[in-house]
Amino acid sequence: MAFYYSRRKLKPREEEESGELNIVPYLDILMNLILFMLLSINGLAAFGIVNVSAPSYGGPSTSVAPEQNPDQPKLTLSVLISKKGHFVNSENTILGKEGEPTIPLKADGAYDYAALNAQMVKIKSAFPTETKVIVGADPETPYDALIQTMDAVRETQDKTHRVLFPDVTLGAM
């Protein structure tokens, strides 16, 4: 008579009672999630970069303040985006009729970025040393309109890509 020793198969209930928990699959999922988040955050950071300067709240220091020609008047240029079009203002004057946009919307209701760019070229020729502009927009203004306005203000839209007003500060209306 031969004795055969066989292992007794564990029932599912007995496996749960043994207290061992296999956490390797959970660690695999966790590591994949961490790597995915790190790679996606790094990739999204490059797309979200917009070159603007924040407004300064203190007075300019003597080492930072540029030398200005006292004969030439100072220009505080602002471009406001509204539902009617672009309002281009300087320090104390509104360029255009009071209450009406300097560059109105096109007949199809789109913003006229070419006319805005031409207006910026005219202003830059009158004030060649100025580099700052404040861009403001209604809260309902589409993001694309804000970006295209900033592009039209920064440089010419022709083949020369001459720099106009590269120091853009975002403001609220």
N, C-alpha and C. Protein backbone atom coordinates (compact mmCIF):
# COMPACT_ATOMS: atom_id res chain seq x y z
N MET A 1 0.84 -1.15 0.00
CA MET A 1 0.00 0.00 0.00
C MET A 1 0.90 1.23 0.00
N ALA A 2 0.68 2.03 -0.98
CA ALA A 2 1.51 3.22 -1.11
C ALA A 2 0.74 4.42 -0.60
N PHE A 3 1.50 5.22 0.11
CA PHE A 3 0.88 6.46 0.63
C PHE A 3 1.26 7.62 -0.28
N TYR A 4 0.33 8.26 -0.74
CA TYR A 4 0.56 9.44 -1.57
C TYR A 4 0.20 10.67 -0.76
N TYR A 5 1.20 11.54 -0.70
CA TYR A 5 0.95 12.81 -0.01
C TYR A 5 0.59 13.85 -1.07
N SER A 6 -0.49 14.47 -0.91
CA SER A 6 -0.89 15.52 -1.87
C SER A 6 -1.21 16.79 -1.09
N ARG A 7 -0.99 17.84 -1.80
CA ARG A 7 -1.33 19.12 -1.17
C ARG A 7 -2.83 19.31 -1.19
N ARG A 8 -3.24 19.88 -0.18
CA ARG A 8 -4.65 20.18 -0.09
C ARG A 8 -4.89 21.53 -0.79
N LYS A 9 -5.80 21.59 -1.70
CA LYS A 9 -6.10 22.83 -2.40
C LYS A 9 -6.81 23.78 -1.45
N LEU A 10 -6.35 25.05 -1.50
CA LEU A 10 -6.96 26.04 -0.63
C LEU A 10 -8.24 26.56 -1.26
N LYS A 11 -9.21 26.68 -0.48
CA LYS A 11 -10.46 27.24 -0.94
C LYS A 11 -10.34 28.77 -0.92
N PRO A 12 -11.13 29.48 -1.71
CA PRO A 12 -11.04 30.95 -1.74
C PRO A 12 -11.19 31.58 -0.36
N ARG A 13 -12.02 31.03 0.45
CA ARG A 13 -12.22 31.59 1.78
C ARG A 13 -10.96 31.45 2.62
N GLU A 14 -10.24 30.36 2.47
CA GLU A 14 -9.03 30.14 3.24
C GLU A 14 -7.91 31.07 2.76
N GLU A 15 -7.89 31.45 1.44
CA GLU A 15 -6.88 32.39 0.94
C GLU A 15 -7.09 33.76 1.57
N GLU A 16 -8.34 34.19 1.70
CA GLU A 16 -8.63 35.48 2.32
C GLU A 16 -8.22 35.47 3.78
N GLU A 17 -8.37 34.38 4.43
CA GLU A 17 -8.05 34.31 5.85
C GLU A 17 -6.56 34.22 6.09
N SER A 18 -5.76 33.90 5.05
CA SER A 18 -4.32 33.78 5.26
C SER A 18 -3.67 35.14 5.51
N GLY A 19 -4.30 36.27 5.13
CA GLY A 19 -3.80 37.60 5.43
C GLY A 19 -2.82 38.15 4.43
N GLU A 20 -2.47 37.42 3.41
CA GLU A 20 -1.52 37.92 2.43
C GLU A 20 -2.27 38.68 1.34
N LEU A 21 -1.75 39.87 1.02
CA LEU A 21 -2.36 40.70 0.00
C LEU A 21 -1.31 40.99 -1.06
N ASN A 22 -1.64 40.70 -2.28
CA ASN A 22 -0.71 40.95 -3.38
C ASN A 22 -0.87 42.39 -3.86
N ILE A 23 0.09 43.27 -3.52
CA ILE A 23 -0.01 44.69 -3.87
C ILE A 23 0.80 45.06 -5.11
N VAL A 24 1.42 44.11 -5.74
CA VAL A 24 2.22 44.39 -6.93
C VAL A 24 1.38 45.01 -8.05
N PRO A 25 0.21 44.52 -8.37
CA PRO A 25 -0.58 45.18 -9.43
C PRO A 25 -0.95 46.62 -9.07
N TYR A 26 -1.22 46.90 -7.81
CA TYR A 26 -1.55 48.26 -7.41
C TYR A 26 -0.34 49.18 -7.54
N LEU A 27 0.83 48.68 -7.20
CA LEU A 27 2.05 49.47 -7.34
C LEU A 27 2.35 49.75 -8.82
N ASP A 28 2.11 48.79 -9.67
CA ASP A 28 2.30 49.00 -11.11
C ASP A 28 1.40 50.12 -11.62
N ILE A 29 0.15 50.08 -11.23
CA ILE A 29 -0.79 51.13 -11.66
C ILE A 29 -0.36 52.48 -11.12
N LEU A 30 0.05 52.52 -9.86
CA LEU A 30 0.47 53.78 -9.24
C LEU A 30 1.70 54.36 -9.95
N MET A 31 2.67 53.54 -10.25
CA MET A 31 3.88 54.02 -10.93
C MET A 31 3.54 54.53 -12.34
N ASN A 32 2.66 53.85 -13.04
CA ASN A 32 2.26 54.31 -14.37
C ASN A 32 1.55 55.65 -14.29
N LEU A 33 0.69 55.83 -13.30
CA LEU A 33 -0.01 57.11 -13.13
C LEU A 33 0.97 58.23 -12.81
N ILE A 34 1.92 57.96 -11.94
CA ILE A 34 2.91 58.99 -11.57
C ILE A 34 3.73 59.39 -12.80
N LEU A 35 4.20 58.43 -13.55
CA LEU A 35 4.98 58.74 -14.75
C LEU A 35 4.15 59.50 -15.78
N PHE A 36 2.90 59.09 -15.96
CA PHE A 36 2.02 59.79 -16.91
C PHE A 36 1.81 61.23 -16.49
N MET A 37 1.55 61.46 -15.20
CA MET A 37 1.32 62.84 -14.74
C MET A 37 2.57 63.69 -14.87
N LEU A 38 3.72 63.15 -14.55
CA LEU A 38 4.97 63.91 -14.68
C LEU A 38 5.25 64.28 -16.13
N LEU A 39 5.05 63.36 -17.04
CA LEU A 39 5.30 63.64 -18.44
C LEU A 39 4.27 64.60 -19.02
N SER A 40 3.02 64.47 -18.63
CA SER A 40 2.00 65.36 -19.17
C SER A 40 2.14 66.78 -18.62
N ILE A 41 2.51 66.95 -17.38
CA ILE A 41 2.72 68.29 -16.82
C ILE A 41 3.91 68.95 -17.50
N ASN A 42 4.96 68.23 -17.72
CA ASN A 42 6.13 68.79 -18.39
C ASN A 42 5.80 69.20 -19.81
N GLY A 43 5.01 68.42 -20.52
CA GLY A 43 4.63 68.77 -21.89
C GLY A 43 3.68 69.94 -21.95
N LEU A 44 2.75 70.05 -21.01
CA LEU A 44 1.79 71.14 -21.01
C LEU A 44 2.42 72.46 -20.61
N ALA A 45 3.48 72.43 -19.83
CA ALA A 45 4.12 73.66 -19.40
C ALA A 45 4.71 74.41 -20.60
N ALA A 46 5.19 73.69 -21.59
CA ALA A 46 5.78 74.35 -22.76
C ALA A 46 4.71 75.01 -23.61
N PHE A 47 3.50 74.47 -23.65
CA PHE A 47 2.44 75.06 -24.46
C PHE A 47 1.80 76.27 -23.79
N GLY A 48 1.87 76.36 -22.48
CA GLY A 48 1.20 77.42 -21.76
C GLY A 48 2.02 78.67 -21.56
N ILE A 49 3.18 78.80 -22.18
CA ILE A 49 4.04 79.95 -21.95
C ILE A 49 3.60 81.09 -22.85
N VAL A 50 3.27 82.22 -22.23
CA VAL A 50 2.94 83.44 -22.95
C VAL A 50 3.87 84.51 -22.40
N ASN A 51 4.60 85.19 -23.26
CA ASN A 51 5.59 86.16 -22.84
C ASN A 51 4.92 87.50 -22.58
N VAL A 52 4.53 87.75 -21.33
CA VAL A 52 3.98 89.04 -20.92
C VAL A 52 4.66 89.46 -19.63
N SER A 53 4.62 90.74 -19.35
CA SER A 53 5.20 91.22 -18.11
C SER A 53 4.08 91.71 -17.20
N ALA A 54 4.18 91.37 -15.93
CA ALA A 54 3.17 91.78 -14.96
C ALA A 54 3.39 93.25 -14.60
N PRO A 55 2.32 93.93 -14.23
CA PRO A 55 2.50 95.34 -13.87
C PRO A 55 3.29 95.48 -12.58
N SER A 56 4.10 96.53 -12.49
CA SER A 56 4.87 96.77 -11.28
C SER A 56 4.10 97.74 -10.40
N TYR A 57 4.15 97.52 -9.09
CA TYR A 57 3.37 98.34 -8.17
C TYR A 57 4.23 99.39 -7.49
N GLY A 58 5.54 99.24 -7.51
CA GLY A 58 6.41 100.23 -6.89
C GLY A 58 6.88 101.22 -7.93
N GLY A 59 7.46 102.32 -7.45
CA GLY A 59 8.03 103.30 -8.37
C GLY A 59 9.29 102.76 -9.01
N PRO A 60 9.67 103.27 -10.15
CA PRO A 60 10.88 102.77 -10.79
C PRO A 60 12.12 103.22 -10.01
N SER A 61 13.08 102.33 -9.93
CA SER A 61 14.32 102.69 -9.27
C SER A 61 15.20 103.45 -10.24
N THR A 62 16.19 104.14 -9.72
CA THR A 62 17.04 104.98 -10.58
C THR A 62 17.91 104.14 -11.50
N SER A 63 18.24 102.91 -11.09
CA SER A 63 19.09 102.09 -11.94
C SER A 63 18.31 101.43 -13.08
N VAL A 64 16.99 101.30 -12.93
CA VAL A 64 16.19 100.62 -13.92
C VAL A 64 15.54 101.61 -14.89
N ALA A 65 15.28 102.82 -14.46
CA ALA A 65 14.56 103.79 -15.28
C ALA A 65 15.38 104.18 -16.51
N PRO A 66 14.81 104.03 -17.71
CA PRO A 66 15.54 104.39 -18.91
C PRO A 66 15.60 105.90 -19.07
N GLU A 67 16.64 106.34 -19.72
CA GLU A 67 16.76 107.77 -19.99
C GLU A 67 15.83 108.13 -21.12
N GLN A 68 15.03 109.16 -20.91
CA GLN A 68 14.09 109.58 -21.93
C GLN A 68 14.43 110.97 -22.39
N ASN A 69 14.08 111.23 -23.63
CA ASN A 69 14.27 112.55 -24.18
C ASN A 69 13.19 113.46 -23.59
N PRO A 70 13.57 114.55 -22.89
CA PRO A 70 12.55 115.39 -22.27
C PRO A 70 11.71 116.13 -23.30
N ASP A 71 12.19 116.28 -24.53
CA ASP A 71 11.43 116.97 -25.56
C ASP A 71 10.27 116.12 -26.08
N GLN A 72 10.44 114.80 -26.06
CA GLN A 72 9.42 113.92 -26.61
C GLN A 72 8.41 113.57 -25.52
N PRO A 73 7.11 113.72 -25.81
CA PRO A 73 6.10 113.40 -24.79
C PRO A 73 6.08 111.90 -24.51
N LYS A 74 5.67 111.57 -23.27
CA LYS A 74 5.60 110.16 -22.87
C LYS A 74 4.31 109.55 -23.42
N LEU A 75 4.41 108.30 -23.84
CA LEU A 75 3.26 107.59 -24.40
C LEU A 75 2.88 106.46 -23.44
N THR A 76 1.64 106.48 -22.99
CA THR A 76 1.10 105.36 -22.23
C THR A 76 0.02 104.77 -23.11
N LEU A 77 0.39 103.76 -23.87
CA LEU A 77 -0.48 103.19 -24.90
C LEU A 77 -1.29 102.04 -24.32
N SER A 78 -2.57 102.02 -24.62
CA SER A 78 -3.42 100.90 -24.21
C SER A 78 -4.31 100.50 -25.36
N VAL A 79 -4.52 99.22 -25.47
CA VAL A 79 -5.41 98.65 -26.48
C VAL A 79 -6.47 97.85 -25.74
N LEU A 80 -7.72 98.24 -25.90
CA LEU A 80 -8.82 97.58 -25.22
C LEU A 80 -9.65 96.81 -26.23
N ILE A 81 -9.95 95.56 -25.92
CA ILE A 81 -10.73 94.71 -26.80
C ILE A 81 -12.16 94.67 -26.26
N SER A 82 -13.11 95.06 -27.09
CA SER A 82 -14.51 95.02 -26.67
C SER A 82 -15.33 94.29 -27.73
N LYS A 83 -16.62 94.22 -27.50
CA LYS A 83 -17.52 93.57 -28.46
C LYS A 83 -17.68 94.40 -29.72
N LYS A 84 -17.34 95.70 -29.64
CA LYS A 84 -17.47 96.59 -30.79
C LYS A 84 -16.21 96.63 -31.65
N GLY A 85 -15.07 96.27 -31.07
CA GLY A 85 -13.79 96.32 -31.79
C GLY A 85 -12.66 96.68 -30.84
N HIS A 86 -11.60 97.27 -31.38
CA HIS A 86 -10.42 97.66 -30.60
C HIS A 86 -10.45 99.16 -30.33
N PHE A 87 -10.26 99.54 -29.08
CA PHE A 87 -10.08 100.93 -28.69
C PHE A 87 -8.60 101.14 -28.44
N VAL A 88 -7.98 102.04 -29.16
CA VAL A 88 -6.56 102.36 -28.98
C VAL A 88 -6.50 103.73 -28.30
N ASN A 89 -5.93 103.77 -27.11
CA ASN A 89 -5.85 104.99 -26.32
C ASN A 89 -4.40 105.29 -25.98
N SER A 90 -4.09 106.58 -25.91
CA SER A 90 -2.80 106.96 -25.34
C SER A 90 -3.09 107.64 -24.01
N GLU A 91 -2.11 108.27 -23.43
CA GLU A 91 -2.20 108.75 -22.06
C GLU A 91 -3.48 109.55 -21.78
N ASN A 92 -3.74 110.59 -22.53
CA ASN A 92 -4.91 111.42 -22.26
C ASN A 92 -5.83 111.57 -23.46
N THR A 93 -5.55 110.85 -24.53
CA THR A 93 -6.38 111.00 -25.72
C THR A 93 -6.89 109.65 -26.18
N ILE A 94 -8.03 109.68 -26.80
CA ILE A 94 -8.59 108.49 -27.43
C ILE A 94 -8.39 108.67 -28.93
N LEU A 95 -7.76 107.72 -29.55
CA LEU A 95 -7.51 107.80 -30.98
C LEU A 95 -8.77 107.33 -31.70
N GLY A 96 -9.54 108.25 -32.17
CA GLY A 96 -10.82 107.94 -32.81
C GLY A 96 -11.92 108.76 -32.18
N LYS A 97 -13.14 108.53 -32.60
CA LYS A 97 -14.29 109.25 -32.07
C LYS A 97 -14.63 108.75 -30.67
N GLU A 98 -15.11 109.66 -29.85
CA GLU A 98 -15.48 109.32 -28.47
C GLU A 98 -16.61 108.30 -28.47
N GLY A 99 -16.43 107.21 -27.74
CA GLY A 99 -17.46 106.18 -27.62
C GLY A 99 -17.46 105.15 -28.72
N GLU A 100 -16.73 105.39 -29.79
CA GLU A 100 -16.65 104.43 -30.89
C GLU A 100 -15.25 103.83 -30.93
N PRO A 101 -15.14 102.57 -31.33
CA PRO A 101 -13.82 101.95 -31.36
C PRO A 101 -12.92 102.57 -32.43
N THR A 102 -11.63 102.59 -32.15
CA THR A 102 -10.66 103.07 -33.12
C THR A 102 -10.64 102.17 -34.34
N ILE A 103 -10.64 100.86 -34.09
CA ILE A 103 -10.70 99.88 -35.17
C ILE A 103 -11.97 99.05 -34.95
N PRO A 104 -13.04 99.37 -35.67
CA PRO A 104 -14.29 98.62 -35.48
C PRO A 104 -14.20 97.21 -36.06
N LEU A 105 -15.19 96.41 -35.73
CA LEU A 105 -15.26 95.05 -36.27
C LEU A 105 -15.45 95.09 -37.78
N LYS A 106 -15.05 94.04 -38.45
CA LYS A 106 -15.28 93.92 -39.89
C LYS A 106 -16.77 93.69 -40.13
N ALA A 107 -17.16 93.71 -41.40
CA ALA A 107 -18.57 93.52 -41.76
C ALA A 107 -19.08 92.14 -41.33
N ASP A 108 -18.19 91.14 -41.30
CA ASP A 108 -18.61 89.80 -40.89
C ASP A 108 -18.59 89.60 -39.37
N GLY A 109 -18.24 90.64 -38.62
CA GLY A 109 -18.23 90.55 -37.16
C GLY A 109 -16.92 90.11 -36.56
N ALA A 110 -15.87 89.94 -37.37
CA ALA A 110 -14.56 89.53 -36.87
C ALA A 110 -13.71 90.76 -36.55
N TYR A 111 -12.73 90.57 -35.68
CA TYR A 111 -11.82 91.65 -35.34
C TYR A 111 -10.88 91.91 -36.52
N ASP A 112 -10.52 93.18 -36.72
CA ASP A 112 -9.65 93.57 -37.84
C ASP A 112 -8.22 93.73 -37.32
N TYR A 113 -7.47 92.62 -37.30
CA TYR A 113 -6.11 92.65 -36.76
C TYR A 113 -5.14 93.35 -37.71
N ALA A 114 -5.38 93.31 -39.00
CA ALA A 114 -4.51 94.01 -39.96
C ALA A 114 -4.60 95.52 -39.76
N ALA A 115 -5.80 96.04 -39.54
CA ALA A 115 -5.97 97.48 -39.30
C ALA A 115 -5.34 97.86 -37.96
N LEU A 116 -5.47 97.01 -36.96
CA LEU A 116 -4.83 97.26 -35.66
C LEU A 116 -3.32 97.31 -35.81
N ASN A 117 -2.77 96.38 -36.58
CA ASN A 117 -1.33 96.36 -36.81
C ASN A 117 -0.88 97.61 -37.55
N ALA A 118 -1.64 98.06 -38.54
CA ALA A 118 -1.29 99.28 -39.27
C ALA A 118 -1.33 100.49 -38.34
N GLN A 119 -2.30 100.53 -37.42
CA GLN A 119 -2.38 101.62 -36.44
C GLN A 119 -1.17 101.60 -35.52
N MET A 120 -0.72 100.41 -35.12
CA MET A 120 0.45 100.29 -34.25
C MET A 120 1.72 100.74 -34.97
N VAL A 121 1.81 100.48 -36.27
CA VAL A 121 2.97 100.92 -37.06
C VAL A 121 3.01 102.45 -37.09
N LYS A 122 1.84 103.09 -37.25
CA LYS A 122 1.78 104.56 -37.26
C LYS A 122 2.22 105.12 -35.91
N ILE A 123 1.74 104.53 -34.84
CA ILE A 123 2.09 105.01 -33.50
C ILE A 123 3.58 104.79 -33.22
N LYS A 124 4.10 103.65 -33.65
CA LYS A 124 5.53 103.36 -33.43
C LYS A 124 6.40 104.34 -34.20
N SER A 125 5.99 104.75 -35.40
CA SER A 125 6.78 105.73 -36.16
C SER A 125 6.79 107.08 -35.46
N ALA A 126 5.72 107.42 -34.74
CA ALA A 126 5.68 108.68 -34.00
C ALA A 126 6.44 108.58 -32.67
N PHE A 127 6.50 107.41 -32.09
CA PHE A 127 7.19 107.18 -30.81
C PHE A 127 8.14 106.00 -30.97
N PRO A 128 9.29 106.18 -31.61
CA PRO A 128 10.17 105.02 -31.90
C PRO A 128 10.83 104.40 -30.68
N THR A 129 10.94 105.13 -29.57
CA THR A 129 11.63 104.57 -28.40
C THR A 129 10.70 103.83 -27.45
N GLU A 130 9.39 103.99 -27.63
CA GLU A 130 8.44 103.34 -26.73
C GLU A 130 8.33 101.84 -27.04
N THR A 131 8.21 101.04 -25.97
CA THR A 131 8.09 99.59 -26.14
C THR A 131 6.93 98.99 -25.36
N LYS A 132 6.26 99.80 -24.53
CA LYS A 132 5.24 99.26 -23.63
C LYS A 132 3.84 99.52 -24.15
N VAL A 133 2.98 98.55 -23.91
CA VAL A 133 1.56 98.68 -24.23
C VAL A 133 0.77 97.86 -23.20
N ILE A 134 -0.41 98.37 -22.86
CA ILE A 134 -1.31 97.67 -21.94
C ILE A 134 -2.47 97.14 -22.77
N VAL A 135 -2.73 95.85 -22.67
CA VAL A 135 -3.83 95.23 -23.40
C VAL A 135 -4.89 94.81 -22.39
N GLY A 136 -6.11 95.29 -22.59
CA GLY A 136 -7.23 94.94 -21.73
C GLY A 136 -8.34 94.32 -22.56
N ALA A 137 -9.17 93.51 -21.91
CA ALA A 137 -10.25 92.84 -22.65
C ALA A 137 -11.46 92.65 -21.75
N ASP A 138 -12.62 92.59 -22.39
CA ASP A 138 -13.85 92.22 -21.68
C ASP A 138 -13.72 90.78 -21.19
N PRO A 139 -14.38 90.44 -20.09
CA PRO A 139 -14.31 89.05 -19.62
C PRO A 139 -14.85 88.04 -20.62
N GLU A 140 -15.75 88.44 -21.50
CA GLU A 140 -16.33 87.52 -22.47
C GLU A 140 -15.49 87.41 -23.75
N THR A 141 -14.39 88.13 -23.82
CA THR A 141 -13.55 88.11 -25.02
C THR A 141 -12.92 86.73 -25.19
N PRO A 142 -12.99 86.16 -26.39
CA PRO A 142 -12.36 84.85 -26.61
C PRO A 142 -10.83 84.94 -26.45
N TYR A 143 -10.26 83.86 -25.97
CA TYR A 143 -8.82 83.80 -25.75
C TYR A 143 -8.05 84.01 -27.05
N ASP A 144 -8.57 83.48 -28.15
CA ASP A 144 -7.92 83.63 -29.45
C ASP A 144 -7.84 85.11 -29.85
N ALA A 145 -8.87 85.88 -29.56
CA ALA A 145 -8.86 87.31 -29.88
C ALA A 145 -7.79 88.04 -29.08
N LEU A 146 -7.61 87.66 -27.82
CA LEU A 146 -6.58 88.27 -26.99
C LEU A 146 -5.19 87.97 -27.53
N ILE A 147 -4.94 86.73 -27.90
CA ILE A 147 -3.62 86.34 -28.40
C ILE A 147 -3.33 87.01 -29.74
N GLN A 148 -4.31 87.05 -30.65
CA GLN A 148 -4.08 87.69 -31.94
C GLN A 148 -3.90 89.20 -31.80
N THR A 149 -4.56 89.81 -30.82
CA THR A 149 -4.36 91.23 -30.56
C THR A 149 -2.94 91.46 -30.05
N MET A 150 -2.47 90.62 -29.16
CA MET A 150 -1.10 90.75 -28.66
C MET A 150 -0.09 90.57 -29.79
N ASP A 151 -0.35 89.65 -30.70
CA ASP A 151 0.54 89.45 -31.85
C ASP A 151 0.56 90.68 -32.75
N ALA A 152 -0.61 91.29 -32.97
CA ALA A 152 -0.70 92.47 -33.84
C ALA A 152 0.00 93.67 -33.21
N VAL A 153 0.06 93.72 -31.88
CA VAL A 153 0.67 94.85 -31.19
C VAL A 153 2.19 94.67 -31.09
N ARG A 154 2.66 93.46 -31.00
CA ARG A 154 4.08 93.20 -30.77
C ARG A 154 4.97 93.43 -31.99
N GLU A 155 4.54 92.97 -33.16
CA GLU A 155 5.38 93.09 -34.35
C GLU A 155 4.54 93.22 -35.59
N THR A 156 5.18 93.69 -36.67
CA THR A 156 4.46 93.86 -37.92
C THR A 156 4.06 92.49 -38.47
N GLN A 157 2.97 92.46 -39.20
CA GLN A 157 2.45 91.20 -39.71
C GLN A 157 2.95 90.89 -41.13
N ASP A 158 3.79 91.76 -41.67
CA ASP A 158 4.32 91.49 -43.00
C ASP A 158 5.56 90.60 -42.90
N LYS A 159 6.30 90.50 -43.98
CA LYS A 159 7.46 89.60 -44.01
C LYS A 159 8.63 90.10 -43.18
N THR A 160 8.66 91.41 -42.86
CA THR A 160 9.81 91.95 -42.11
C THR A 160 9.77 91.58 -40.64
N HIS A 161 8.59 91.41 -40.06
CA HIS A 161 8.43 91.10 -38.64
C HIS A 161 9.21 92.07 -37.76
N ARG A 162 9.05 93.35 -38.04
CA ARG A 162 9.71 94.39 -37.27
C ARG A 162 9.02 94.51 -35.91
N VAL A 163 9.81 94.65 -34.85
CA VAL A 163 9.27 94.73 -33.49
C VAL A 163 8.63 96.09 -33.28
N LEU A 164 7.40 96.07 -32.73
CA LEU A 164 6.68 97.32 -32.44
C LEU A 164 6.67 97.61 -30.94
N PHE A 165 5.81 96.93 -30.21
CA PHE A 165 5.67 97.12 -28.76
C PHE A 165 5.78 95.76 -28.07
N PRO A 166 7.00 95.31 -27.77
CA PRO A 166 7.16 93.95 -27.24
C PRO A 166 6.81 93.80 -25.76
N ASP A 167 6.80 94.90 -24.98
CA ASP A 167 6.50 94.81 -23.56
C ASP A 167 4.99 94.93 -23.34
N VAL A 168 4.33 93.80 -23.32
CA VAL A 168 2.86 93.75 -23.19
C VAL A 168 2.50 93.49 -21.73
N THR A 169 1.61 94.33 -21.20
CA THR A 169 1.08 94.13 -19.87
C THR A 169 -0.41 93.88 -20.00
N LEU A 170 -0.90 92.83 -19.35
CA LEU A 170 -2.33 92.53 -19.41
C LEU A 170 -3.05 93.29 -18.31
N GLY A 171 -4.15 93.91 -18.67
CA GLY A 171 -4.95 94.66 -17.72
C GLY A 171 -6.39 94.23 -17.81
N ALA A 172 -7.18 94.66 -16.85
CA ALA A 172 -8.61 94.33 -16.84
C ALA A 172 -9.42 95.57 -17.20
N MET A 173 -10.56 95.34 -17.85
CA MET A 173 -11.44 96.45 -18.19
C MET A 173 -12.47 96.63 -17.11
